[in-house]
Amino acid sequence: MTDKEFFDKSLTLSFEFSRYIIAHPEMEEQIPKGALVILLLEDDPVFNQRAMELAQAKKETNQPMVVVRIQKLLPPTESRLVNPRLEMVSNL
């Protein structure tokens, strides 16, 4: 897994987890304040190993750690935009 692939997957998981937390605030209440949250995908041991190594390297002394095990990441859905239209504009 390249650095870019790891970064892209981490960014996607972080964004989707944030969206999940907004929809399910009861989960956020279970995460200790200041905790290091590690997102792991059940079907990606290479990503998980790298995420755990990075977390261990970044963890502060006595900082709580929470692992979020994600069964899978569904493919992205279509855009939420409704009927966008392009308008060609001459040089202004």
PDB file of N, CA and C in Angstrom:
ATOM      1  N   MET A   1       0.843  -1.173   0.000  1.00  0.00           N
ATOM      2  CA  MET A   1       0.000   0.000   0.000  1.00  0.00           C
ATOM      3  C   MET A   1       0.890   1.238   0.000  1.00  0.00           C
ATOM      4  N   THR A   2       0.660   2.112  -0.958  1.00  0.00           N
ATOM      5  CA  THR A   2       1.459   3.330  -1.055  1.00  0.00           C
ATOM      6  C   THR A   2       1.015   4.327   0.014  1.00  0.00           C
ATOM      7  N   ASP A   3       1.848   5.343   0.229  1.00  0.00           N
ATOM      8  CA  ASP A   3       1.485   6.404   1.166  1.00  0.00           C
ATOM      9  C   ASP A   3       0.190   7.080   0.740  1.00  0.00           C
ATOM     10  N   LYS A   4       0.051   7.324  -0.553  1.00  0.00           N
ATOM     11  CA  LYS A   4      -1.150   7.988  -1.066  1.00  0.00           C
ATOM     12  C   LYS A   4      -2.387   7.124  -0.843  1.00  0.00           C
ATOM     13  N   GLU A   5      -2.289   5.839  -1.105  1.00  0.00           N
ATOM     14  CA  GLU A   5      -3.422   4.939  -0.888  1.00  0.00           C
ATOM     15  C   GLU A   5      -3.826   4.919   0.591  1.00  0.00           C
ATOM     16  N   PHE A   6      -2.822   4.864   1.472  1.00  0.00           N
ATOM     17  CA  PHE A   6      -3.102   4.872   2.903  1.00  0.00           C
ATOM     18  C   PHE A   6      -3.758   6.184   3.309  1.00  0.00           C
ATOM     19  N   PHE A   7      -3.217   7.290   2.836  1.00  0.00           N
ATOM     20  CA  PHE A   7      -3.781   8.601   3.165  1.00  0.00           C
ATOM     21  C   PHE A   7      -5.212   8.724   2.662  1.00  0.00           C
ATOM     22  N   ASP A   8      -5.450   8.332   1.411  1.00  0.00           N
ATOM     23  CA  ASP A   8      -6.792   8.432   0.836  1.00  0.00           C
ATOM     24  C   ASP A   8      -7.801   7.592   1.617  1.00  0.00           C
ATOM     25  N   LYS A   9      -7.407   6.375   1.972  1.00  0.00           N
ATOM     26  CA  LYS A   9      -8.319   5.504   2.710  1.00  0.00           C
ATOM     27  C   LYS A   9      -8.562   6.061   4.112  1.00  0.00           C
ATOM     28  N   SER A  10      -7.523   6.567   4.752  1.00  0.00           N
ATOM     29  CA  SER A  10      -7.661   7.162   6.083  1.00  0.00           C
ATOM     30  C   SER A  10      -8.591   8.369   6.046  1.00  0.00           C
ATOM     31  N   LEU A  11      -8.415   9.203   5.036  1.00  0.00           N
ATOM     32  CA  LEU A  11      -9.254  10.390   4.889  1.00  0.00           C
ATOM     33  C   LEU A  11     -10.714  10.006   4.673  1.00  0.00           C
ATOM     34  N   THR A  12     -10.950   9.028   3.825  1.00  0.00           N
ATOM     35  CA  THR A  12     -12.311   8.562   3.559  1.00  0.00           C
ATOM     36  C   THR A  12     -12.945   7.991   4.825  1.00  0.00           C
ATOM     37  N   LEU A  13     -12.217   7.146   5.533  1.00  0.00           N
ATOM     38  CA  LEU A  13     -12.747   6.564   6.767  1.00  0.00           C
ATOM     39  C   LEU A  13     -13.041   7.637   7.815  1.00  0.00           C
ATOM     40  N   SER A  14     -12.151   8.605   7.945  1.00  0.00           N
ATOM     41  CA  SER A  14     -12.358   9.687   8.907  1.00  0.00           C
ATOM     42  C   SER A  14     -13.610  10.489   8.575  1.00  0.00           C
ATOM     43  N   PHE A  15     -13.763  10.810   7.302  1.00  0.00           N
ATOM     44  CA  PHE A  15     -14.938  11.568   6.868  1.00  0.00           C
ATOM     45  C   PHE A  15     -16.216  10.770   7.134  1.00  0.00           C
ATOM     46  N   GLU A  16     -16.218   9.503   6.748  1.00  0.00           N
ATOM     47  CA  GLU A  16     -17.407   8.683   6.926  1.00  0.00           C
ATOM     48  C   GLU A  16     -17.703   8.435   8.408  1.00  0.00           C
ATOM     49  N   PHE A  17     -16.665   8.292   9.229  1.00  0.00           N
ATOM     50  CA  PHE A  17     -16.886   8.108  10.658  1.00  0.00           C
ATOM     51  C   PHE A  17     -17.473   9.380  11.262  1.00  0.00           C
ATOM     52  N   SER A  18     -17.009  10.528  10.821  1.00  0.00           N
ATOM     53  CA  SER A  18     -17.574  11.795  11.291  1.00  0.00           C
ATOM     54  C   SER A  18     -19.052  11.884  10.946  1.00  0.00           C
ATOM     55  N   ARG A  19     -19.395  11.496   9.738  1.00  0.00           N
ATOM     56  CA  ARG A  19     -20.806  11.493   9.328  1.00  0.00           C
ATOM     57  C   ARG A  19     -21.614  10.518  10.191  1.00  0.00           C
ATOM     58  N   TYR A  20     -21.031   9.363  10.487  1.00  0.00           N
ATOM     59  CA  TYR A  20     -21.714   8.364  11.311  1.00  0.00           C
ATOM     60  C   TYR A  20     -21.952   8.907  12.719  1.00  0.00           C
ATOM     61  N   ILE A  21     -20.957   9.566  13.273  1.00  0.00           N
ATOM     62  CA  ILE A  21     -21.061  10.133  14.623  1.00  0.00           C
ATOM     63  C   ILE A  21     -22.161  11.191  14.684  1.00  0.00           C
ATOM     64  N   ILE A  22     -22.271  12.005  13.641  1.00  0.00           N
ATOM     65  CA  ILE A  22     -23.328  13.016  13.608  1.00  0.00           C
ATOM     66  C   ILE A  22     -24.698  12.351  13.646  1.00  0.00           C
ATOM     67  N   ALA A  23     -24.837  11.255  12.918  1.00  0.00           N
ATOM     68  CA  ALA A  23     -26.115  10.535  12.874  1.00  0.00           C
ATOM     69  C   ALA A  23     -26.350   9.670  14.121  1.00  0.00           C
ATOM     70  N   HIS A  24     -25.271   9.310  14.829  1.00  0.00           N
ATOM     71  CA  HIS A  24     -25.374   8.427  15.998  1.00  0.00           C
ATOM     72  C   HIS A  24     -24.581   9.025  17.165  1.00  0.00           C
ATOM     73  N   PRO A  25     -25.067  10.115  17.744  1.00  0.00           N
ATOM     74  CA  PRO A  25     -24.299  10.787  18.807  1.00  0.00           C
ATOM     75  C   PRO A  25     -24.055   9.911  20.035  1.00  0.00           C
ATOM     76  N   GLU A  26     -24.842   8.863  20.204  1.00  0.00           N
ATOM     77  CA  GLU A  26     -24.630   7.977  21.354  1.00  0.00           C
ATOM     78  C   GLU A  26     -23.275   7.274  21.277  1.00  0.00           C
ATOM     79  N   MET A  27     -22.752   7.086  20.069  1.00  0.00           N
ATOM     80  CA  MET A  27     -21.435   6.466  19.931  1.00  0.00           C
ATOM     81  C   MET A  27     -20.340   7.449  20.377  1.00  0.00           C
ATOM     82  N   GLU A  28     -20.516   8.695  20.030  1.00  0.00           N
ATOM     83  CA  GLU A  28     -19.523   9.705  20.430  1.00  0.00           C
ATOM     84  C   GLU A  28     -19.419   9.793  21.950  1.00  0.00           C
ATOM     85  N   GLU A  29     -20.538   9.617  22.631  1.00  0.00           N
ATOM     86  CA  GLU A  29     -20.549   9.679  24.088  1.00  0.00           C
ATOM     87  C   GLU A  29     -19.700   8.580  24.714  1.00  0.00           C
ATOM     88  N   GLN A  30     -19.429   7.516  23.985  1.00  0.00           N
ATOM     89  CA  GLN A  30     -18.632   6.396  24.500  1.00  0.00           C
ATOM     90  C   GLN A  30     -17.125   6.618  24.319  1.00  0.00           C
ATOM     91  N   ILE A  31     -16.755   7.647  23.567  1.00  0.00           N
ATOM     92  CA  ILE A  31     -15.338   7.910  23.293  1.00  0.00           C
ATOM     93  C   ILE A  31     -14.819   8.895  24.334  1.00  0.00           C
ATOM     94  N   PRO A  32     -13.799   8.510  25.098  1.00  0.00           N
ATOM     95  CA  PRO A  32     -13.259   9.421  26.110  1.00  0.00           C
ATOM     96  C   PRO A  32     -12.700  10.697  25.480  1.00  0.00           C
ATOM     97  N   LYS A  33     -12.855  11.797  26.183  1.00  0.00           N
ATOM     98  CA  LYS A  33     -12.342  13.079  25.708  1.00  0.00           C
ATOM     99  C   LYS A  33     -10.825  12.978  25.519  1.00  0.00           C
ATOM    100  N   GLY A  34     -10.352  13.443  24.380  1.00  0.00           N
ATOM    101  CA  GLY A  34      -8.921  13.431  24.088  1.00  0.00           C
ATOM    102  C   GLY A  34      -8.386  12.094  23.606  1.00  0.00           C
ATOM    103  N   ALA A  35      -9.276  11.135  23.376  1.00  0.00           N
ATOM    104  CA  ALA A  35      -8.834   9.799  22.963  1.00  0.00           C
ATOM    105  C   ALA A  35      -8.284   9.814  21.544  1.00  0.00           C
ATOM    106  N   LEU A  36      -7.356   8.934  21.295  1.00  0.00           N
ATOM    107  CA  LEU A  36      -6.854   8.680  19.949  1.00  0.00           C
ATOM    108  C   LEU A  36      -7.742   7.599  19.352  1.00  0.00           C
ATOM    109  N   VAL A  37      -8.443   7.942  18.283  1.00  0.00           N
ATOM    110  CA  VAL A  37      -9.382   7.021  17.651  1.00  0.00           C
ATOM    111  C   VAL A  37      -8.699   6.377  16.450  1.00  0.00           C
ATOM    112  N   ILE A  38      -8.695   5.045  16.427  1.00  0.00           N
ATOM    113  CA  ILE A  38      -8.073   4.298  15.333  1.00  0.00           C
ATOM    114  C   ILE A  38      -9.172   3.579  14.573  1.00  0.00           C
ATOM    115  N   LEU A  39      -9.273   3.867  13.297  1.00  0.00           N
ATOM    116  CA  LEU A  39     -10.285   3.253  12.442  1.00  0.00           C
ATOM    117  C   LEU A  39      -9.658   2.088  11.696  1.00  0.00           C
ATOM    118  N   LEU A  40     -10.238   0.902  11.837  1.00  0.00           N
ATOM    119  CA  LEU A  40      -9.720  -0.298  11.197  1.00  0.00           C
ATOM    120  C   LEU A  40     -10.813  -0.934  10.343  1.00  0.00           C
ATOM    121  N   LEU A  41     -10.400  -1.481   9.221  1.00  0.00           N
ATOM    122  CA  LEU A  41     -11.317  -2.181   8.319  1.00  0.00           C
ATOM    123  C   LEU A  41     -11.096  -3.682   8.450  1.00  0.00           C
ATOM    124  N   GLU A  42     -12.162  -4.423   8.721  1.00  0.00           N
ATOM    125  CA  GLU A  42     -12.032  -5.861   8.939  1.00  0.00           C
ATOM    126  C   GLU A  42     -11.405  -6.607   7.764  1.00  0.00           C
ATOM    127  N   ASP A  43     -11.593  -6.103   6.559  1.00  0.00           N
ATOM    128  CA  ASP A  43     -11.094  -6.818   5.381  1.00  0.00           C
ATOM    129  C   ASP A  43      -9.795  -6.245   4.816  1.00  0.00           C
ATOM    130  N   ASP A  44      -9.048  -5.476   5.621  1.00  0.00           N
ATOM    131  CA  ASP A  44      -7.821  -4.857   5.103  1.00  0.00           C
ATOM    132  C   ASP A  44      -6.696  -4.911   6.142  1.00  0.00           C
ATOM    133  N   PRO A  45      -6.076  -6.086   6.320  1.00  0.00           N
ATOM    134  CA  PRO A  45      -5.029  -6.220   7.343  1.00  0.00           C
ATOM    135  C   PRO A  45      -3.801  -5.343   7.087  1.00  0.00           C
ATOM    136  N   VAL A  46      -3.491  -5.065   5.847  1.00  0.00           N
ATOM    137  CA  VAL A  46      -2.329  -4.213   5.537  1.00  0.00           C
ATOM    138  C   VAL A  46      -2.589  -2.792   6.026  1.00  0.00           C
ATOM    139  N   PHE A  47      -3.760  -2.259   5.712  1.00  0.00           N
ATOM    140  CA  PHE A  47      -4.134  -0.921   6.179  1.00  0.00           C
ATOM    141  C   PHE A  47      -4.155  -0.896   7.705  1.00  0.00           C
ATOM    142  N   ASN A  48      -4.751  -1.910   8.312  1.00  0.00           N
ATOM    143  CA  ASN A  48      -4.882  -1.950   9.764  1.00  0.00           C
ATOM    144  C   ASN A  48      -3.524  -1.955  10.460  1.00  0.00           C
ATOM    145  N   GLN A  49      -2.596  -2.722   9.952  1.00  0.00           N
ATOM    146  CA  GLN A  49      -1.261  -2.783  10.538  1.00  0.00           C
ATOM    147  C   GLN A  49      -0.600  -1.406  10.508  1.00  0.00           C
ATOM    148  N   ARG A  50      -0.713  -0.758   9.382  1.00  0.00           N
ATOM    149  CA  ARG A  50      -0.104   0.573   9.236  1.00  0.00           C
ATOM    150  C   ARG A  50      -0.805   1.595  10.132  1.00  0.00           C
ATOM    151  N   ALA A  51      -2.130   1.515  10.228  1.00  0.00           N
ATOM    152  CA  ALA A  51      -2.873   2.435  11.083  1.00  0.00           C
ATOM    153  C   ALA A  51      -2.491   2.246  12.554  1.00  0.00           C
ATOM    154  N   MET A  52      -2.329   1.001  12.990  1.00  0.00           N
ATOM    155  CA  MET A  52      -1.942   0.728  14.377  1.00  0.00           C
ATOM    156  C   MET A  52      -0.515   1.205  14.661  1.00  0.00           C
ATOM    157  N   GLU A  53       0.383   0.997  13.707  1.00  0.00           N
ATOM    158  CA  GLU A  53       1.767   1.467  13.879  1.00  0.00           C
ATOM    159  C   GLU A  53       1.812   2.984  13.999  1.00  0.00           C
ATOM    160  N   LEU A  54       1.052   3.662  13.150  1.00  0.00           N
ATOM    161  CA  LEU A  54       0.999   5.123  13.183  1.00  0.00           C
ATOM    162  C   LEU A  54       0.395   5.598  14.509  1.00  0.00           C
ATOM    163  N   ALA A  55      -0.656   4.944  14.953  1.00  0.00           N
ATOM    164  CA  ALA A  55      -1.295   5.320  16.210  1.00  0.00           C
ATOM    165  C   ALA A  55      -0.333   5.161  17.384  1.00  0.00           C
ATOM    166  N   GLN A  56       0.393   4.055  17.417  1.00  0.00           N
ATOM    167  CA  GLN A  56       1.350   3.830  18.499  1.00  0.00           C
ATOM    168  C   GLN A  56       2.431   4.906  18.505  1.00  0.00           C
ATOM    169  N   ALA A  57       2.857   5.331  17.321  1.00  0.00           N
ATOM    170  CA  ALA A  57       3.901   6.347  17.218  1.00  0.00           C
ATOM    171  C   ALA A  57       3.393   7.727  17.636  1.00  0.00           C
ATOM    172  N   LYS A  58       2.114   8.010  17.408  1.00  0.00           N
ATOM    173  CA  LYS A  58       1.544   9.329  17.696  1.00  0.00           C
ATOM    174  C   LYS A  58       0.900   9.439  19.073  1.00  0.00           C
ATOM    175  N   LYS A  59       0.656   8.313  19.731  1.00  0.00           N
ATOM    176  CA  LYS A  59      -0.035   8.311  21.011  1.00  0.00           C
ATOM    177  C   LYS A  59       0.771   9.061  22.067  1.00  0.00           C
ATOM    178  N   GLU A  60       0.064   9.921  22.801  1.00  0.00           N
ATOM    179  CA  GLU A  60       0.691  10.650  23.900  1.00  0.00           C
ATOM    180  C   GLU A  60       0.636   9.797  25.171  1.00  0.00           C
ATOM    181  N   THR A  61       1.494  10.094  26.103  1.00  0.00           N
ATOM    182  CA  THR A  61       1.529   9.363  27.365  1.00  0.00           C
ATOM    183  C   THR A  61       0.171   9.442  28.053  1.00  0.00           C
ATOM    184  N   ASN A  62      -0.328   8.302  28.479  1.00  0.00           N
ATOM    185  CA  ASN A  62      -1.611   8.182  29.180  1.00  0.00           C
ATOM    186  C   ASN A  62      -2.830   8.576  28.341  1.00  0.00           C
ATOM    187  N   GLN A  63      -2.648   8.760  27.050  1.00  0.00           N
ATOM    188  CA  GLN A  63      -3.788   9.093  26.192  1.00  0.00           C
ATOM    189  C   GLN A  63      -4.622   7.842  25.958  1.00  0.00           C
ATOM    190  N   PRO A  64      -5.945   7.927  26.185  1.00  0.00           N
ATOM    191  CA  PRO A  64      -6.776   6.757  25.895  1.00  0.00           C
ATOM    192  C   PRO A  64      -6.831   6.484  24.391  1.00  0.00           C
ATOM    193  N   MET A  65      -6.913   5.210  24.055  1.00  0.00           N
ATOM    194  CA  MET A  65      -7.025   4.809  22.650  1.00  0.00           C
ATOM    195  C   MET A  65      -8.323   4.038  22.468  1.00  0.00           C
ATOM    196  N   VAL A  66      -9.012   4.327  21.370  1.00  0.00           N
ATOM    197  CA  VAL A  66     -10.254   3.637  21.040  1.00  0.00           C
ATOM    198  C   VAL A  66     -10.119   3.091  19.631  1.00  0.00           C
ATOM    199  N   VAL A  67     -10.360   1.804  19.475  1.00  0.00           N
ATOM    200  CA  VAL A  67     -10.340   1.178  18.153  1.00  0.00           C
ATOM    201  C   VAL A  67     -11.778   1.049  17.673  1.00  0.00           C
ATOM    202  N   VAL A  68     -12.019   1.512  16.454  1.00  0.00           N
ATOM    203  CA  VAL A  68     -13.326   1.372  15.819  1.00  0.00           C
ATOM    204  C   VAL A  68     -13.144   0.367  14.687  1.00  0.00           C
ATOM    205  N   ARG A  69     -13.743  -0.799  14.843  1.00  0.00           N
ATOM    206  CA  ARG A  69     -13.643  -1.837  13.820  1.00  0.00           C
ATOM    207  C   ARG A  69     -14.831  -1.703  12.877  1.00  0.00           C
ATOM    208  N   ILE A  70     -14.513  -1.499  11.625  1.00  0.00           N
ATOM    209  CA  ILE A  70     -15.526  -1.264  10.607  1.00  0.00           C
ATOM    210  C   ILE A  70     -15.617  -2.504   9.733  1.00  0.00           C
ATOM    211  N   GLN A  71     -16.822  -3.033   9.596  1.00  0.00           N
ATOM    212  CA  GLN A  71     -16.997  -4.261   8.828  1.00  0.00           C
ATOM    213  C   GLN A  71     -16.632  -4.045   7.367  1.00  0.00           C
ATOM    214  N   LYS A  72     -17.154  -2.977   6.774  1.00  0.00           N
ATOM    215  CA  LYS A  72     -16.796  -2.676   5.388  1.00  0.00           C
ATOM    216  C   LYS A  72     -17.205  -1.256   5.062  1.00  0.00           C
ATOM    217  N   LEU A  73     -16.700  -0.771   3.980  1.00  0.00           N
ATOM    218  CA  LEU A  73     -17.015   0.565   3.485  1.00  0.00           C
ATOM    219  C   LEU A  73     -17.766   0.382   2.179  1.00  0.00           C
ATOM    220  N   LEU A  74     -19.000   0.849   2.159  1.00  0.00           N
ATOM    221  CA  LEU A  74     -19.802   0.715   0.943  1.00  0.00           C
ATOM    222  C   LEU A  74     -19.285   1.650  -0.140  1.00  0.00           C
ATOM    223  N   PRO A  75     -19.537   1.319  -1.401  1.00  0.00           N
ATOM    224  CA  PRO A  75     -19.133   2.216  -2.483  1.00  0.00           C
ATOM    225  C   PRO A  75     -19.842   3.561  -2.335  1.00  0.00           C
ATOM    226  N   PRO A  76     -19.213   4.609  -2.830  1.00  0.00           N
ATOM    227  CA  PRO A  76     -19.843   5.929  -2.719  1.00  0.00           C
ATOM    228  C   PRO A  76     -21.165   5.966  -3.478  1.00  0.00           C
ATOM    229  N   THR A  77     -22.073   6.736  -2.946  1.00  0.00           N
ATOM    230  CA  THR A  77     -23.353   6.901  -3.623  1.00  0.00           C
ATOM    231  C   THR A  77     -23.263   8.066  -4.599  1.00  0.00           C
ATOM    232  N   GLU A  78     -24.311   8.243  -5.323  1.00  0.00           N
ATOM    233  CA  GLU A  78     -24.326   9.336  -6.280  1.00  0.00           C
ATOM    234  C   GLU A  78     -24.324  10.671  -5.554  1.00  0.00           C
ATOM    235  N   SER A  79     -24.034  11.696  -6.292  1.00  0.00           N
ATOM    236  CA  SER A  79     -24.024  13.046  -5.752  1.00  0.00           C
ATOM    237  C   SER A  79     -25.409  13.426  -5.238  1.00  0.00           C
ATOM    238  N   ARG A  80     -25.438  14.319  -4.249  1.00  0.00           N
ATOM    239  CA  ARG A  80     -26.702  14.820  -3.731  1.00  0.00           C
ATOM    240  C   ARG A  80     -27.218  16.006  -4.537  1.00  0.00           C
ATOM    241  N   LEU A  81     -26.462  16.441  -5.543  1.00  0.00           N
ATOM    242  CA  LEU A  81     -26.907  17.546  -6.389  1.00  0.00           C
ATOM    243  C   LEU A  81     -28.092  17.095  -7.233  1.00  0.00           C
ATOM    244  N   VAL A  82     -29.046  17.975  -7.411  1.00  0.00           N
ATOM    245  CA  VAL A  82     -30.224  17.668  -8.211  1.00  0.00           C
ATOM    246  C   VAL A  82     -30.180  18.499  -9.479  1.00  0.00           C
ATOM    247  N   ASN A  83     -30.106  17.822 -10.609  1.00  0.00           N
ATOM    248  CA  ASN A  83     -30.189  18.445 -11.926  1.00  0.00           C
ATOM    249  C   ASN A  83     -29.274  19.663 -12.119  1.00  0.00           C
ATOM    250  N   PRO A  84     -27.973  19.520 -11.914  1.00  0.00           N
ATOM    251  CA  PRO A  84     -27.085  20.682 -12.139  1.00  0.00           C
ATOM    252  C   PRO A  84     -27.003  21.007 -13.635  1.00  0.00           C
ATOM    253  N   ARG A  85     -26.910  22.289 -13.948  1.00  0.00           N
ATOM    254  CA  ARG A  85     -26.806  22.728 -15.335  1.00  0.00           C
ATOM    255  C   ARG A  85     -25.596  23.636 -15.499  1.00  0.00           C
ATOM    256  N   LEU A  86     -24.884  23.449 -16.569  1.00  0.00           N
ATOM    257  CA  LEU A  86     -23.739  24.303 -16.878  1.00  0.00           C
ATOM    258  C   LEU A  86     -24.193  25.461 -17.743  1.00  0.00           C
ATOM    259  N   GLU A  87     -23.641  26.615 -17.477  1.00  0.00           N
ATOM    260  CA  GLU A  87     -23.887  27.779 -18.314  1.00  0.00           C
ATOM    261  C   GLU A  87     -22.552  28.292 -18.809  1.00  0.00           C
ATOM    262  N   MET A  88     -22.404  28.382 -20.095  1.00  0.00           N
ATOM    263  CA  MET A  88     -21.168  28.888 -20.666  1.00  0.00           C
ATOM    264  C   MET A  88     -21.179  30.404 -20.579  1.00  0.00           C
ATOM    265  N   VAL A  89     -20.130  30.946 -20.033  1.00  0.00           N
ATOM    266  CA  VAL A  89     -20.017  32.391 -19.854  1.00  0.00           C
ATOM    267  C   VAL A  89     -18.807  32.864 -20.666  1.00  0.00           C
ATOM    268  N   SER A  90     -19.006  33.883 -21.468  1.00  0.00           N
ATOM    269  CA  SER A  90     -17.885  34.416 -22.238  1.00  0.00           C
ATOM    270  C   SER A  90     -16.912  35.099 -21.283  1.00  0.00           C
ATOM    271  N   ASN A  91     -15.745  35.394 -21.765  1.00  0.00           N
ATOM    272  CA  ASN A  91     -14.745  36.069 -20.952  1.00  0.00           C
ATOM    273  C   ASN A  91     -15.310  37.344 -20.379  1.00  0.00           C
ATOM    274  N   LEU A  92     -15.164  37.499 -19.103  1.00  0.00           N
ATOM    275  CA  LEU A  92     -15.692  38.688 -18.437  1.00  0.00           C
ATOM    276  C   LEU A  92     -14.662  39.770 -18.365  1.00  0.00           C
TER     277      LEU A  92
END
